[in-house]
């Protein structure tokens, strides 16, 4: 009888605790995809852990976490570009992610030093060309390193130097080749710009579709968004006019960046945070990500969306550790300024 009484008391206490102190995980995120909300709901349905979200731009959220200090309610910070994750780690705001499952799924080059953050999805920064001007066969051996050639004078569209995606691309070049080579390359690239850098990644792809440039550098998932029809008929039409090229036939391979997350040192729900990150790397969550954001999966059991996989699945990925992008960000910015990259 005592055993039954103790069980009933324990059960009642557990129910009471969950009612008064509900199980939760608090997330600050700069990802702006409505489809992510569906993932959070799936996680809650699966685990009973409530997901509380604060959204904003990366810089603002990082400053918020810093200003909140020990009183920050945030358990997890999710953002795009490894440079942002490195910055949070450099501020010593992350703690080590202790998960054998995450270690198994995520390659070491896509995790932060000391496992203080991890990739959730991959992003390839690639080349786009107008299919009415060029064939894939004509360009298949083209690499980033070739873009400073006089052959491409006034023919390349790309975003400005204040764009973190471009800063990370230059940082990866510095990591591989050093500053002297990369500066010479960047000066040649700038001399080949078809126009003053302007607009977002989709604007560069549209410039190629409209014959304002022969080549554009942009993230591959933007073409997925355009071809999905989610961005309207004009962008769908533009997307159909361009081809996608992975600079991976020679040299080091296509530049890979990430969307990722880390757990804050001040987290009051560490175990729940681990469960959430493990869920985000599960087959269910990874399938949802790639079908709605057109990023590349981290989990190798999941294939990319058909809208993106039609351009190839066997391309070579640059294996440079993405943690280098943040470490070399300042050097990349100074180099881009010296090269005249506006």
Protein backbone atom coordinates (compact mmCIF):
# COMPACT_ATOMS: atom_id res chain seq x y z
CA UNK A 1 0.00 0.00 0.00
CA UNK A 2 2.83 2.40 0.86
CA UNK A 3 4.35 1.82 -2.59
CA UNK A 4 1.03 2.71 -4.25
CA UNK A 5 0.66 5.83 -2.07
CA UNK A 6 4.19 6.97 -2.91
CA UNK A 7 3.53 6.41 -6.64
CA UNK A 8 0.30 8.42 -6.49
CA UNK A 9 2.02 11.22 -4.59
CA UNK A 10 4.90 11.26 -7.07
CA UNK A 11 2.50 11.29 -10.01
CA UNK A 12 0.48 14.16 -8.52
CA UNK A 13 3.68 16.07 -7.77
CA UNK A 14 4.89 15.61 -11.36
CA UNK A 15 1.59 16.83 -12.78
CA UNK A 16 1.58 19.81 -10.40
CA UNK A 17 5.19 20.68 -11.28
CA UNK A 18 4.47 20.61 -14.99
CA UNK A 19 1.43 22.83 -14.50
CA UNK A 20 3.21 25.38 -12.33
CA UNK A 21 6.62 25.08 -13.97
CA UNK A 22 5.91 23.97 -17.55
CA UNK A 23 8.76 22.34 -19.48
CA UNK A 24 10.06 24.84 -22.03
CA UNK A 25 12.91 25.98 -24.23
CA UNK A 26 13.45 29.66 -25.08
CA UNK A 27 14.86 30.46 -28.50
CA UNK A 28 16.22 33.69 -29.96
CA UNK A 29 16.28 33.32 -33.74
CA UNK A 30 17.19 35.46 -36.73
CA UNK A 31 15.79 32.92 -39.19
CA UNK A 32 12.78 34.51 -40.86
CA UNK A 33 11.00 31.45 -42.28
CA UNK A 34 7.34 30.99 -41.31
CA UNK A 35 7.80 27.27 -41.99
CA UNK A 36 10.14 27.03 -38.97
CA UNK A 37 7.11 27.59 -36.71
CA UNK A 38 5.68 24.29 -37.89
CA UNK A 39 8.88 22.58 -36.75
CA UNK A 40 8.62 24.12 -33.30
CA UNK A 41 5.05 22.90 -33.03
CA UNK A 42 6.10 19.39 -34.09
CA UNK A 43 8.80 19.40 -31.40
CA UNK A 44 6.24 20.38 -28.75
CA UNK A 45 3.81 17.70 -29.89
CA UNK A 46 6.58 15.11 -29.76
CA UNK A 47 8.14 16.04 -26.42
CA UNK A 48 5.64 18.19 -24.53
CA UNK A 49 8.30 20.92 -24.31
CA UNK A 50 6.92 24.37 -25.12
CA UNK A 51 8.97 26.48 -27.53
CA UNK A 52 9.05 30.22 -26.86
CA UNK A 53 10.39 32.35 -29.69
CA UNK A 54 11.95 35.81 -29.88
CA UNK A 55 12.72 36.83 -33.49
CA UNK A 56 14.96 39.60 -34.75
CA UNK A 57 18.07 40.42 -36.73
CA UNK A 58 21.26 38.67 -35.68
CA UNK A 59 23.11 41.79 -34.55
CA UNK A 60 20.20 43.01 -32.44
CA UNK A 61 19.66 39.61 -30.81
CA UNK A 62 23.35 39.22 -30.01
CA UNK A 63 23.40 42.64 -28.34
CA UNK A 64 20.22 41.74 -26.46
CA UNK A 65 21.80 38.56 -25.10
CA UNK A 66 24.88 40.50 -24.03
CA UNK A 67 22.87 43.21 -22.30
CA UNK A 68 20.62 40.69 -20.53
CA UNK A 69 23.64 38.89 -19.13
CA UNK A 70 22.87 36.31 -16.44
CA UNK A 71 19.21 37.32 -16.54
CA UNK A 72 18.75 36.31 -20.18
CA UNK A 73 15.87 33.85 -20.62
CA UNK A 74 17.41 32.58 -23.87
CA UNK A 75 18.43 28.93 -24.03
CA UNK A 76 19.30 28.74 -27.74
CA UNK A 77 20.48 31.27 -30.32
CA UNK A 78 19.72 30.35 -33.95
CA UNK A 79 21.14 32.35 -36.82
CA UNK A 80 22.43 32.22 -40.39
CA UNK A 81 26.12 32.30 -41.33
CA UNK A 82 28.88 30.80 -39.22
CA UNK A 83 30.33 34.29 -38.78
CA UNK A 84 27.46 35.22 -36.47
CA UNK A 85 27.87 32.05 -34.42
CA UNK A 86 31.60 32.61 -34.08
CA UNK A 87 30.93 36.14 -32.81
CA UNK A 88 28.69 34.84 -30.02
CA UNK A 89 31.33 32.27 -29.10
CA UNK A 90 34.00 34.97 -29.13
CA UNK A 91 31.90 36.89 -26.60
CA UNK A 92 32.00 33.69 -24.50
CA UNK A 93 28.24 33.40 -24.42
CA UNK A 94 27.91 29.77 -25.56
CA UNK A 95 28.42 26.57 -23.61
CA UNK A 96 29.54 23.18 -24.90
CA UNK A 97 26.91 21.06 -26.66
CA UNK A 98 27.19 17.59 -25.13
CA UNK A 99 25.44 15.22 -27.50
CA UNK A 100 26.85 12.08 -29.10
CA UNK A 101 23.99 12.15 -31.60
CA UNK A 102 24.88 15.64 -32.82
CA UNK A 103 28.56 14.69 -33.02
CA UNK A 104 27.61 11.72 -35.20
CA UNK A 105 25.36 13.68 -37.56
CA UNK A 106 27.26 16.96 -37.95
CA UNK A 107 30.77 16.89 -39.50
CA UNK A 108 33.46 18.52 -37.38
CA UNK A 109 34.08 21.29 -39.95
CA UNK A 110 30.43 22.36 -39.56
CA UNK A 111 30.64 22.70 -35.77
CA UNK A 112 32.18 25.41 -33.63
CA UNK A 113 35.36 24.96 -31.67
CA UNK A 114 34.78 23.03 -28.44
CA UNK A 115 31.38 22.04 -29.87
CA UNK A 116 29.88 25.36 -28.75
CA UNK A 117 27.60 25.57 -31.79
CA UNK A 118 26.43 23.34 -34.59
CA UNK A 119 25.10 23.55 -38.13
CA UNK A 120 21.41 22.84 -38.69
CA UNK A 121 21.43 23.24 -42.49
CA UNK A 122 23.99 23.89 -45.24
CA UNK A 123 24.05 26.77 -47.72
CA UNK A 124 26.05 26.67 -50.95
CA UNK A 125 27.26 29.97 -52.46
CA UNK A 126 27.38 29.25 -56.18
CA UNK A 127 27.39 30.73 -59.68
CA UNK A 128 24.37 31.51 -61.87
CA UNK A 129 24.38 32.01 -65.64
CA UNK A 130 21.86 32.85 -68.35
CA UNK A 131 20.90 29.67 -70.19
CA UNK A 132 20.28 31.58 -73.42
CA UNK A 133 23.93 32.73 -73.47
CA UNK A 134 25.85 29.76 -72.10
CA UNK A 135 25.54 26.02 -71.73
CA UNK A 136 26.55 24.10 -68.64
CA UNK A 137 29.24 22.31 -70.67
CA UNK A 138 30.85 25.64 -71.59
CA UNK A 139 31.12 26.70 -67.94
CA UNK A 140 31.40 23.46 -65.99
CA UNK A 141 35.08 23.98 -65.09
CA UNK A 142 34.59 27.57 -63.91
CA UNK A 143 35.68 28.31 -60.33
CA UNK A 144 35.68 31.28 -57.97
CA UNK A 145 39.39 31.61 -58.65
CA UNK A 146 38.65 32.25 -62.34
CA UNK A 147 36.32 35.19 -61.76
CA UNK A 148 39.13 37.76 -61.83
CA UNK A 149 39.91 36.88 -65.47
CA UNK A 150 39.55 39.69 -68.07
CA UNK A 151 37.15 37.31 -69.82
CA UNK A 152 34.48 38.41 -67.33
CA UNK A 153 35.05 42.16 -67.60
CA UNK A 154 31.77 43.98 -66.76
CA UNK A 155 29.91 40.66 -66.56
CA UNK A 156 29.57 39.73 -62.85
CA UNK A 157 26.77 40.70 -60.45
CA UNK A 158 27.23 40.34 -56.68
CA UNK A 159 26.09 41.91 -53.43
CA UNK A 160 28.00 44.58 -51.54
CA UNK A 161 30.92 44.02 -49.20
CA UNK A 162 28.74 44.66 -46.14
CA UNK A 163 26.93 41.39 -46.84
CA UNK A 164 28.05 38.69 -44.39
CA UNK A 165 27.69 35.92 -47.00
CA UNK A 166 30.30 37.63 -49.18
CA UNK A 167 32.54 38.35 -46.20
CA UNK A 168 32.52 34.66 -45.34
CA UNK A 169 33.31 33.72 -48.94
CA UNK A 170 36.36 36.01 -48.88
CA UNK A 171 37.32 34.69 -45.42
CA UNK A 172 37.27 31.16 -46.82
CA UNK A 173 39.60 32.26 -49.63
CA UNK A 174 41.99 33.76 -47.07
CA UNK A 175 41.89 30.52 -45.07
CA UNK A 176 42.88 28.53 -48.16
CA UNK A 177 45.24 30.84 -50.02
CA UNK A 178 46.34 33.63 -47.70
CA UNK A 179 45.72 37.39 -47.86
CA UNK A 180 48.09 38.27 -50.71
CA UNK A 181 46.52 35.89 -53.20
CA UNK A 182 42.99 36.72 -52.07
CA UNK A 183 43.54 40.48 -52.35
CA UNK A 184 44.83 40.13 -55.91
CA UNK A 185 41.84 37.93 -56.70
CA UNK A 186 39.38 40.36 -55.13
CA UNK A 187 40.76 43.33 -57.07
CA UNK A 188 40.33 41.40 -60.31
CA UNK A 189 36.81 40.38 -59.31
CA UNK A 190 35.84 43.98 -58.53
CA UNK A 191 37.14 45.12 -61.91
CA UNK A 192 34.73 42.63 -63.51
CA UNK A 193 31.57 43.87 -61.77
CA UNK A 194 28.79 44.61 -64.26
CA UNK A 195 27.36 47.29 -61.95
CA UNK A 196 27.76 48.78 -58.50
CA UNK A 197 26.81 46.12 -55.93
CA UNK A 198 23.14 46.44 -55.00
CA UNK A 199 20.18 44.39 -53.77
CA UNK A 200 19.90 40.96 -52.21
CA UNK A 201 20.91 37.57 -53.64
CA UNK A 202 17.73 37.24 -55.69
CA UNK A 203 18.49 40.64 -57.28
CA UNK A 204 21.78 39.23 -58.58
CA UNK A 205 20.03 36.19 -60.10
CA UNK A 206 17.41 38.45 -61.68
CA UNK A 207 20.19 40.61 -63.14
CA UNK A 208 21.50 37.55 -64.97
CA UNK A 209 18.01 36.61 -66.16
CA UNK A 210 17.54 40.17 -67.50
CA UNK A 211 20.93 40.17 -69.31
CA UNK A 212 22.34 42.84 -66.97
CA UNK A 213 25.15 40.42 -66.11
CA UNK A 214 26.48 37.14 -67.46
CA UNK A 215 27.28 35.64 -64.06
CA UNK A 216 26.05 36.10 -60.51
CA UNK A 217 27.27 34.85 -57.15
CA UNK A 218 24.46 33.95 -54.75
CA UNK A 219 23.23 31.24 -52.39
CA UNK A 220 21.59 28.30 -54.14
CA UNK A 221 18.45 28.24 -51.99
CA UNK A 222 17.36 31.59 -53.41
CA UNK A 223 16.83 29.93 -56.76
CA UNK A 224 14.76 27.27 -55.01
CA UNK A 225 12.55 29.97 -53.51
CA UNK A 226 12.14 31.60 -56.93
CA UNK A 227 11.32 28.33 -58.71
CA UNK A 228 8.81 27.38 -56.01
CA UNK A 229 6.58 30.28 -57.05
CA UNK A 230 6.50 31.58 -53.48
CA UNK A 231 8.07 34.87 -54.59
CA UNK A 232 5.64 35.60 -57.42
CA UNK A 233 5.38 35.07 -61.15
CA UNK A 234 8.15 37.51 -62.13
CA UNK A 235 10.73 35.77 -59.97
CA UNK A 236 9.52 32.35 -61.12
CA UNK A 237 10.00 33.45 -64.73
CA UNK A 238 13.48 34.82 -63.96
CA UNK A 239 14.44 31.61 -62.16
CA UNK A 240 13.60 29.53 -65.20
CA UNK A 241 16.04 31.55 -67.34
CA UNK A 242 19.14 30.80 -65.29
CA UNK A 243 21.35 27.80 -64.70
CA UNK A 244 23.20 26.96 -61.49
CA UNK A 245 26.86 26.04 -61.44
CA UNK A 246 28.81 24.58 -58.52
CA UNK A 247 32.42 25.82 -58.66
CA UNK A 248 33.66 22.39 -57.76
CA UNK A 249 35.31 20.69 -60.70
CA UNK A 250 38.76 21.86 -59.65
CA UNK A 251 40.36 23.51 -56.64
CA UNK A 252 38.62 23.13 -53.27
CA UNK A 253 34.92 22.89 -54.14
CA UNK A 254 31.73 24.88 -53.67
CA UNK A 255 31.73 27.33 -50.75
CA UNK A 256 29.58 25.97 -47.92
CA UNK A 257 28.11 28.09 -45.12
CA UNK A 258 25.43 27.19 -42.60
CA UNK A 259 22.36 28.00 -40.60
CA UNK A 260 23.20 26.98 -37.06
CA UNK A 261 22.60 27.24 -33.34
CA UNK A 262 24.30 27.26 -29.97
CA UNK A 263 23.21 26.90 -26.34
CA UNK A 264 23.78 29.92 -24.10
CA UNK A 265 25.88 29.62 -20.94
CA UNK A 266 23.00 31.12 -19.00
CA UNK A 267 20.49 28.53 -20.26
CA UNK A 268 18.11 27.36 -17.56
CA UNK A 269 16.79 24.53 -19.74
CA UNK A 270 19.97 22.90 -21.02
CA UNK A 271 18.55 19.37 -21.36
CA UNK A 272 15.54 20.68 -23.28
CA UNK A 273 17.87 22.69 -25.50
CA UNK A 274 19.85 19.54 -26.34
CA UNK A 275 16.64 17.70 -27.17
CA UNK A 276 15.59 20.55 -29.45
CA UNK A 277 18.87 20.62 -31.39
CA UNK A 278 18.81 16.84 -31.77
CA UNK A 279 15.25 17.10 -33.08
CA UNK A 280 16.29 19.76 -35.62
CA UNK A 281 18.83 17.30 -37.00
CA UNK A 282 16.37 14.41 -37.15
CA UNK A 283 15.14 13.07 -40.49
CA UNK A 284 11.68 14.55 -39.90
CA UNK A 285 12.95 18.06 -39.22
CA UNK A 286 15.61 17.97 -41.94
CA UNK A 287 13.05 16.92 -44.56
CA UNK A 288 10.83 19.81 -43.49
CA UNK A 289 13.74 22.27 -43.72
CA UNK A 290 14.90 21.33 -47.20
CA UNK A 291 11.38 21.23 -48.64
CA UNK A 292 10.51 24.70 -47.32
CA UNK A 293 13.76 26.68 -47.29
CA UNK A 294 15.66 24.81 -50.06
CA UNK A 295 18.83 24.66 -47.97
CA UNK A 296 20.93 21.49 -47.99
CA UNK A 297 20.44 18.93 -45.21
CA UNK A 298 23.04 18.08 -42.60
CA UNK A 299 21.56 14.63 -41.98
CA UNK A 300 22.90 12.40 -44.77
CA UNK A 301 19.76 10.26 -44.70
CA UNK A 302 17.81 13.19 -46.16
CA UNK A 303 17.96 14.38 -49.78
CA UNK A 304 17.70 18.04 -50.87
CA UNK A 305 14.49 19.39 -52.36
CA UNK A 306 13.87 18.34 -55.96
CA UNK A 307 13.89 22.01 -56.96
CA UNK A 308 17.56 22.15 -55.97
CA UNK A 309 18.66 18.57 -56.56
CA UNK A 310 17.84 18.93 -60.28
CA UNK A 311 21.07 20.95 -60.55
CA UNK A 312 23.18 18.11 -59.18
CA UNK A 313 23.82 16.16 -56.01
CA UNK A 314 27.38 14.97 -56.44
CA UNK A 315 29.14 18.34 -56.36
CA UNK A 316 32.30 18.76 -54.32
CA UNK A 317 31.93 20.74 -51.10
CA UNK A 318 34.69 22.96 -49.74
CA UNK A 319 35.67 21.35 -46.43
CA UNK A 320 37.14 24.52 -44.88
CA UNK A 321 36.05 24.73 -41.23
CA UNK A 322 33.21 27.25 -41.11
CA UNK A 323 34.57 28.55 -37.79
CA UNK A 324 37.31 30.19 -39.88
CA UNK A 325 34.76 32.57 -41.41
CA UNK A 326 34.28 34.42 -38.14
CA UNK A 327 37.93 34.33 -37.14
CA UNK A 328 38.96 35.87 -40.46
CA UNK A 329 36.00 38.24 -40.84
CA UNK A 330 37.91 41.39 -39.87
CA UNK A 331 40.75 40.51 -42.24
CA UNK A 332 38.20 39.87 -45.01
CA UNK A 333 36.51 43.24 -44.46
CA UNK A 334 39.79 45.14 -44.58
CA UNK A 335 40.83 43.25 -47.71
CA UNK A 336 37.52 43.96 -49.48
CA UNK A 337 37.90 47.62 -48.65
CA UNK A 338 41.43 47.70 -50.11
CA UNK A 339 40.11 45.96 -53.23
CA UNK A 340 37.51 48.68 -53.75
CA UNK A 341 34.57 46.34 -53.14
CA UNK A 342 31.73 48.71 -52.23
